[in-house]
Amino acid sequence: MGKYAFVILSNPEDLSEAIRAAHALHYAVQLKMAGYDVVVYFDGFGSRVPIADSPYKGLRPAYEVAQREGVIYGVCGYCASPPHLNIRDKLTALKIRLIGDEEHHEDLSKFINNGYQVLVF
């Protein structure tokens, strides 16, 4: 079976991008349920997905299912840090894993080197 890393960059505060993010979460869960190795990583404006009050009301339920199914890998700690989106404290309060910090932006090689096919949304 394949390995898939979904990287969500979509801004949850924009309707069309929120719908894109929700679909990525649906696809990730569907693959996981079919037996594939799946992770979801939030980066850039996508780092806001776990805490967003999105105009697309389907995003929150899609995120909750993905979280319940165990596919959420984490959020970019660099993007979440105070000099950038400044949402680190909100994410850590929800016990969401941050990858990297304000000095270190992770790259996608960690997924590629572990055999994941990277899908960017």
N, C-alpha and C. Protein backbone atom coordinates (compact mmCIF):
# COMPACT_ATOMS: atom_id res chain seq x y z
N MET A 1 0.84 -1.18 0.00
CA MET A 1 0.00 0.00 0.00
C MET A 1 0.89 1.24 0.00
N GLY A 2 0.37 2.33 -0.51
CA GLY A 2 1.12 3.56 -0.63
C GLY A 2 1.14 4.38 0.65
N LYS A 3 2.01 5.38 0.63
CA LYS A 3 2.15 6.32 1.74
C LYS A 3 1.91 7.72 1.18
N TYR A 4 1.03 8.47 1.84
CA TYR A 4 0.65 9.79 1.34
C TYR A 4 0.75 10.85 2.43
N ALA A 5 1.40 11.96 2.10
CA ALA A 5 1.48 13.10 3.00
C ALA A 5 0.71 14.25 2.36
N PHE A 6 -0.38 14.64 2.99
CA PHE A 6 -1.18 15.77 2.53
C PHE A 6 -0.64 17.02 3.20
N VAL A 7 -0.21 17.98 2.42
CA VAL A 7 0.27 19.25 2.94
C VAL A 7 -0.80 20.29 2.60
N ILE A 8 -1.42 20.84 3.63
CA ILE A 8 -2.50 21.79 3.42
C ILE A 8 -1.98 23.20 3.66
N LEU A 9 -1.96 23.98 2.58
CA LEU A 9 -1.53 25.37 2.61
C LEU A 9 -2.73 26.33 2.49
N SER A 10 -3.89 25.79 2.22
CA SER A 10 -5.08 26.59 1.95
C SER A 10 -5.51 27.43 3.14
N ASN A 11 -5.87 28.66 2.87
CA ASN A 11 -6.32 29.60 3.90
C ASN A 11 -7.77 29.28 4.28
N PRO A 12 -8.02 28.85 5.51
CA PRO A 12 -9.37 28.46 5.90
C PRO A 12 -10.35 29.62 6.00
N GLU A 13 -9.84 30.84 5.94
CA GLU A 13 -10.72 32.01 6.04
C GLU A 13 -11.23 32.46 4.67
N ASP A 14 -10.75 31.84 3.61
CA ASP A 14 -11.22 32.09 2.25
C ASP A 14 -12.11 30.90 1.88
N LEU A 15 -13.32 31.16 1.42
CA LEU A 15 -14.29 30.09 1.19
C LEU A 15 -13.78 29.02 0.23
N SER A 16 -13.28 29.40 -0.93
CA SER A 16 -12.85 28.39 -1.89
C SER A 16 -11.65 27.60 -1.37
N GLU A 17 -10.76 28.26 -0.66
CA GLU A 17 -9.60 27.55 -0.11
C GLU A 17 -10.00 26.65 1.05
N ALA A 18 -10.99 27.07 1.82
CA ALA A 18 -11.48 26.23 2.92
C ALA A 18 -12.13 24.96 2.38
N ILE A 19 -12.85 25.10 1.29
CA ILE A 19 -13.45 23.92 0.66
C ILE A 19 -12.35 22.98 0.16
N ARG A 20 -11.29 23.54 -0.41
CA ARG A 20 -10.15 22.74 -0.86
C ARG A 20 -9.52 21.99 0.32
N ALA A 21 -9.33 22.67 1.43
CA ALA A 21 -8.75 22.04 2.61
C ALA A 21 -9.64 20.92 3.13
N ALA A 22 -10.95 21.16 3.16
CA ALA A 22 -11.89 20.13 3.63
C ALA A 22 -11.83 18.89 2.74
N HIS A 23 -11.75 19.11 1.44
CA HIS A 23 -11.65 17.97 0.53
C HIS A 23 -10.36 17.19 0.77
N ALA A 24 -9.26 17.90 0.98
CA ALA A 24 -7.99 17.22 1.27
C ALA A 24 -8.13 16.35 2.52
N LEU A 25 -8.80 16.87 3.54
CA LEU A 25 -9.01 16.10 4.77
C LEU A 25 -9.89 14.89 4.50
N HIS A 26 -10.94 15.06 3.70
CA HIS A 26 -11.80 13.92 3.34
C HIS A 26 -10.99 12.85 2.61
N TYR A 27 -10.18 13.28 1.63
CA TYR A 27 -9.38 12.32 0.87
C TYR A 27 -8.40 11.58 1.78
N ALA A 28 -7.78 12.31 2.69
CA ALA A 28 -6.83 11.69 3.61
C ALA A 28 -7.50 10.61 4.46
N VAL A 29 -8.67 10.93 4.98
CA VAL A 29 -9.40 9.96 5.81
C VAL A 29 -9.82 8.76 4.98
N GLN A 30 -10.29 8.99 3.77
CA GLN A 30 -10.71 7.88 2.91
C GLN A 30 -9.55 6.93 2.63
N LEU A 31 -8.38 7.50 2.34
CA LEU A 31 -7.21 6.65 2.10
C LEU A 31 -6.81 5.89 3.36
N LYS A 32 -6.85 6.56 4.50
CA LYS A 32 -6.51 5.91 5.78
C LYS A 32 -7.45 4.73 6.03
N MET A 33 -8.74 4.95 5.79
CA MET A 33 -9.73 3.90 6.02
C MET A 33 -9.57 2.73 5.04
N ALA A 34 -8.96 3.00 3.91
CA ALA A 34 -8.70 1.95 2.92
C ALA A 34 -7.39 1.22 3.20
N GLY A 35 -6.69 1.61 4.28
CA GLY A 35 -5.49 0.91 4.69
C GLY A 35 -4.17 1.55 4.31
N TYR A 36 -4.20 2.73 3.73
CA TYR A 36 -2.97 3.43 3.36
C TYR A 36 -2.36 4.15 4.56
N ASP A 37 -1.08 4.40 4.49
CA ASP A 37 -0.37 5.18 5.50
C ASP A 37 -0.52 6.64 5.10
N VAL A 38 -1.20 7.42 5.93
CA VAL A 38 -1.55 8.80 5.58
C VAL A 38 -1.22 9.74 6.73
N VAL A 39 -0.64 10.91 6.39
CA VAL A 39 -0.43 11.98 7.35
C VAL A 39 -0.91 13.29 6.73
N VAL A 40 -1.34 14.22 7.59
CA VAL A 40 -1.74 15.55 7.16
C VAL A 40 -0.89 16.56 7.91
N TYR A 41 -0.29 17.46 7.16
CA TYR A 41 0.58 18.48 7.72
C TYR A 41 0.06 19.85 7.27
N PHE A 42 -0.15 20.75 8.21
CA PHE A 42 -0.63 22.10 7.92
C PHE A 42 0.55 23.07 7.88
N ASP A 43 0.63 23.84 6.81
CA ASP A 43 1.74 24.76 6.61
C ASP A 43 1.19 26.08 6.08
N GLY A 44 1.98 27.15 6.19
CA GLY A 44 1.54 28.45 5.69
C GLY A 44 0.20 28.85 6.32
N PHE A 45 -0.67 29.44 5.51
CA PHE A 45 -1.99 29.82 6.03
C PHE A 45 -2.81 28.60 6.44
N GLY A 46 -2.48 27.44 5.90
CA GLY A 46 -3.14 26.20 6.31
C GLY A 46 -2.94 25.90 7.79
N SER A 47 -1.92 26.51 8.39
CA SER A 47 -1.67 26.32 9.82
C SER A 47 -2.86 26.78 10.66
N ARG A 48 -3.70 27.61 10.08
CA ARG A 48 -4.88 28.12 10.80
C ARG A 48 -6.06 27.14 10.82
N VAL A 49 -6.02 26.11 9.99
CA VAL A 49 -7.17 25.20 9.87
C VAL A 49 -7.64 24.67 11.22
N PRO A 50 -6.76 24.18 12.11
CA PRO A 50 -7.25 23.61 13.36
C PRO A 50 -7.97 24.60 14.28
N ILE A 51 -7.78 25.89 14.09
CA ILE A 51 -8.39 26.87 15.00
C ILE A 51 -9.32 27.85 14.29
N ALA A 52 -9.49 27.68 12.99
CA ALA A 52 -10.22 28.67 12.19
C ALA A 52 -11.73 28.64 12.41
N ASP A 53 -12.30 29.82 12.35
CA ASP A 53 -13.74 29.97 12.24
C ASP A 53 -13.99 30.25 10.76
N SER A 54 -14.09 29.18 10.00
CA SER A 54 -14.11 29.27 8.55
C SER A 54 -15.50 29.61 8.01
N PRO A 55 -15.56 30.30 6.86
CA PRO A 55 -16.86 30.54 6.24
C PRO A 55 -17.46 29.25 5.67
N TYR A 56 -16.63 28.22 5.50
CA TYR A 56 -17.13 26.92 5.04
C TYR A 56 -17.37 26.04 6.26
N LYS A 57 -18.61 25.82 6.58
CA LYS A 57 -18.96 25.10 7.80
C LYS A 57 -18.61 23.62 7.76
N GLY A 58 -18.25 23.10 6.59
CA GLY A 58 -17.83 21.72 6.49
C GLY A 58 -16.39 21.48 6.87
N LEU A 59 -15.62 22.55 7.04
CA LEU A 59 -14.20 22.38 7.36
C LEU A 59 -13.99 21.83 8.77
N ARG A 60 -14.67 22.38 9.75
CA ARG A 60 -14.50 21.92 11.14
C ARG A 60 -14.81 20.42 11.27
N PRO A 61 -15.97 19.95 10.77
CA PRO A 61 -16.24 18.52 10.88
C PRO A 61 -15.21 17.66 10.14
N ALA A 62 -14.74 18.11 8.99
CA ALA A 62 -13.72 17.36 8.25
C ALA A 62 -12.43 17.26 9.07
N TYR A 63 -12.04 18.37 9.70
CA TYR A 63 -10.85 18.37 10.55
C TYR A 63 -11.03 17.41 11.73
N GLU A 64 -12.19 17.46 12.37
CA GLU A 64 -12.44 16.62 13.54
C GLU A 64 -12.39 15.13 13.20
N VAL A 65 -12.92 14.76 12.04
CA VAL A 65 -12.85 13.36 11.61
C VAL A 65 -11.40 12.96 11.36
N ALA A 66 -10.65 13.83 10.68
CA ALA A 66 -9.24 13.54 10.41
C ALA A 66 -8.46 13.39 11.71
N GLN A 67 -8.76 14.23 12.67
CA GLN A 67 -8.09 14.15 13.97
C GLN A 67 -8.45 12.83 14.67
N ARG A 68 -9.72 12.51 14.65
CA ARG A 68 -10.19 11.28 15.29
C ARG A 68 -9.58 10.04 14.63
N GLU A 69 -9.38 10.10 13.33
CA GLU A 69 -8.81 8.96 12.60
C GLU A 69 -7.29 8.89 12.72
N GLY A 70 -6.68 9.89 13.36
CA GLY A 70 -5.25 9.85 13.63
C GLY A 70 -4.35 10.20 12.46
N VAL A 71 -4.86 10.97 11.50
CA VAL A 71 -4.02 11.31 10.35
C VAL A 71 -3.32 12.66 10.49
N ILE A 72 -3.65 13.43 11.52
CA ILE A 72 -3.04 14.75 11.68
C ILE A 72 -1.61 14.58 12.20
N TYR A 73 -0.65 14.95 11.38
CA TYR A 73 0.77 14.87 11.74
C TYR A 73 1.18 16.07 12.58
N GLY A 74 0.74 17.27 12.18
CA GLY A 74 1.08 18.46 12.94
C GLY A 74 0.96 19.72 12.11
N VAL A 75 1.40 20.81 12.72
CA VAL A 75 1.33 22.15 12.13
C VAL A 75 2.74 22.73 12.10
N CYS A 76 3.02 23.51 11.09
CA CYS A 76 4.32 24.16 10.98
C CYS A 76 4.51 25.13 12.16
N GLY A 77 5.47 24.83 13.01
CA GLY A 77 5.77 25.69 14.15
C GLY A 77 6.35 27.03 13.74
N TYR A 78 7.06 27.05 12.62
CA TYR A 78 7.62 28.30 12.10
C TYR A 78 6.48 29.24 11.71
N CYS A 79 5.54 28.73 10.95
CA CYS A 79 4.42 29.57 10.49
C CYS A 79 3.53 29.99 11.66
N ALA A 80 3.39 29.14 12.65
CA ALA A 80 2.53 29.43 13.80
C ALA A 80 3.16 30.39 14.80
N SER A 81 4.46 30.61 14.69
CA SER A 81 5.19 31.40 15.69
C SER A 81 4.80 32.89 15.67
N PRO A 82 5.11 33.60 16.76
CA PRO A 82 4.75 35.03 16.86
C PRO A 82 5.22 35.91 15.71
N PRO A 83 6.42 35.75 15.18
CA PRO A 83 6.80 36.66 14.08
C PRO A 83 6.00 36.43 12.79
N HIS A 84 5.25 35.33 12.73
CA HIS A 84 4.56 34.99 11.48
C HIS A 84 3.05 35.06 11.70
N LEU A 85 2.36 33.94 11.85
CA LEU A 85 0.90 33.97 12.04
C LEU A 85 0.49 34.21 13.50
N ASN A 86 1.42 34.02 14.42
CA ASN A 86 1.19 34.26 15.84
C ASN A 86 -0.01 33.47 16.39
N ILE A 87 -0.03 32.18 16.11
CA ILE A 87 -1.11 31.31 16.59
C ILE A 87 -0.57 30.13 17.39
N ARG A 88 0.71 30.15 17.68
CA ARG A 88 1.35 29.04 18.39
C ARG A 88 0.64 28.71 19.70
N ASP A 89 0.33 29.72 20.51
CA ASP A 89 -0.28 29.46 21.81
C ASP A 89 -1.66 28.83 21.68
N LYS A 90 -2.43 29.24 20.68
CA LYS A 90 -3.75 28.66 20.46
C LYS A 90 -3.63 27.19 20.07
N LEU A 91 -2.64 26.88 19.25
CA LEU A 91 -2.45 25.50 18.81
C LEU A 91 -1.95 24.62 19.95
N THR A 92 -0.99 25.12 20.72
CA THR A 92 -0.47 24.31 21.82
C THR A 92 -1.53 24.10 22.90
N ALA A 93 -2.42 25.07 23.08
CA ALA A 93 -3.52 24.90 24.04
C ALA A 93 -4.43 23.73 23.64
N LEU A 94 -4.50 23.47 22.36
CA LEU A 94 -5.31 22.35 21.85
C LEU A 94 -4.49 21.06 21.73
N LYS A 95 -3.24 21.14 22.19
CA LYS A 95 -2.32 19.99 22.15
C LYS A 95 -2.04 19.51 20.73
N ILE A 96 -1.93 20.46 19.80
CA ILE A 96 -1.59 20.16 18.43
C ILE A 96 -0.08 20.25 18.28
N ARG A 97 0.52 19.21 17.73
CA ARG A 97 1.97 19.14 17.60
C ARG A 97 2.48 20.18 16.62
N LEU A 98 3.49 20.92 17.05
CA LEU A 98 4.15 21.91 16.20
C LEU A 98 5.46 21.32 15.70
N ILE A 99 5.69 21.44 14.41
CA ILE A 99 6.90 20.90 13.78
C ILE A 99 7.79 22.09 13.43
N GLY A 100 8.96 22.14 14.02
CA GLY A 100 9.86 23.27 13.83
C GLY A 100 9.51 24.39 14.79
N ASP A 101 10.23 25.49 14.68
CA ASP A 101 9.99 26.64 15.56
C ASP A 101 10.24 27.91 14.76
N GLU A 102 10.21 29.06 15.43
CA GLU A 102 10.32 30.32 14.69
C GLU A 102 11.68 30.52 14.04
N GLU A 103 12.63 29.69 14.35
CA GLU A 103 13.95 29.76 13.73
C GLU A 103 14.15 28.70 12.65
N HIS A 104 13.24 27.73 12.58
CA HIS A 104 13.46 26.58 11.69
C HIS A 104 12.17 26.16 11.00
N HIS A 105 12.10 26.41 9.70
CA HIS A 105 10.96 25.98 8.89
C HIS A 105 11.30 24.62 8.30
N GLU A 106 10.52 23.60 8.65
CA GLU A 106 10.76 22.25 8.13
C GLU A 106 10.50 22.21 6.63
N ASP A 107 11.20 21.32 5.96
CA ASP A 107 10.93 21.14 4.53
C ASP A 107 10.23 19.80 4.33
N LEU A 108 9.87 19.51 3.10
CA LEU A 108 9.11 18.30 2.82
C LEU A 108 9.98 17.06 2.71
N SER A 109 11.28 17.22 2.81
CA SER A 109 12.16 16.06 2.66
C SER A 109 11.89 15.00 3.73
N LYS A 110 11.40 15.41 4.90
CA LYS A 110 11.13 14.42 5.95
C LYS A 110 10.08 13.42 5.49
N PHE A 111 9.14 13.86 4.68
CA PHE A 111 8.12 12.95 4.14
C PHE A 111 8.69 12.14 2.97
N ILE A 112 9.34 12.83 2.06
CA ILE A 112 9.88 12.16 0.88
C ILE A 112 10.91 11.10 1.27
N ASN A 113 11.79 11.44 2.23
CA ASN A 113 12.81 10.49 2.67
C ASN A 113 12.22 9.26 3.36
N ASN A 114 10.98 9.38 3.82
CA ASN A 114 10.31 8.25 4.46
C ASN A 114 9.31 7.56 3.53
N GLY A 115 9.42 7.85 2.24
CA GLY A 115 8.64 7.14 1.24
C GLY A 115 7.23 7.64 0.99
N TYR A 116 6.91 8.83 1.49
CA TYR A 116 5.58 9.39 1.26
C TYR A 116 5.52 10.11 -0.08
N GLN A 117 4.39 9.98 -0.75
CA GLN A 117 4.08 10.80 -1.90
C GLN A 117 3.42 12.06 -1.33
N VAL A 118 3.94 13.23 -1.68
CA VAL A 118 3.45 14.49 -1.13
C VAL A 118 2.36 15.07 -2.04
N LEU A 119 1.22 15.40 -1.44
CA LEU A 119 0.10 16.02 -2.14
C LEU A 119 -0.15 17.37 -1.50
N VAL A 120 -0.05 18.42 -2.28
CA VAL A 120 -0.17 19.77 -1.74
C VAL A 120 -1.52 20.37 -2.12
N PHE A 121 -2.22 20.87 -1.10
CA PHE A 121 -3.54 21.49 -1.30
C PHE A 121 -3.52 22.91 -0.80
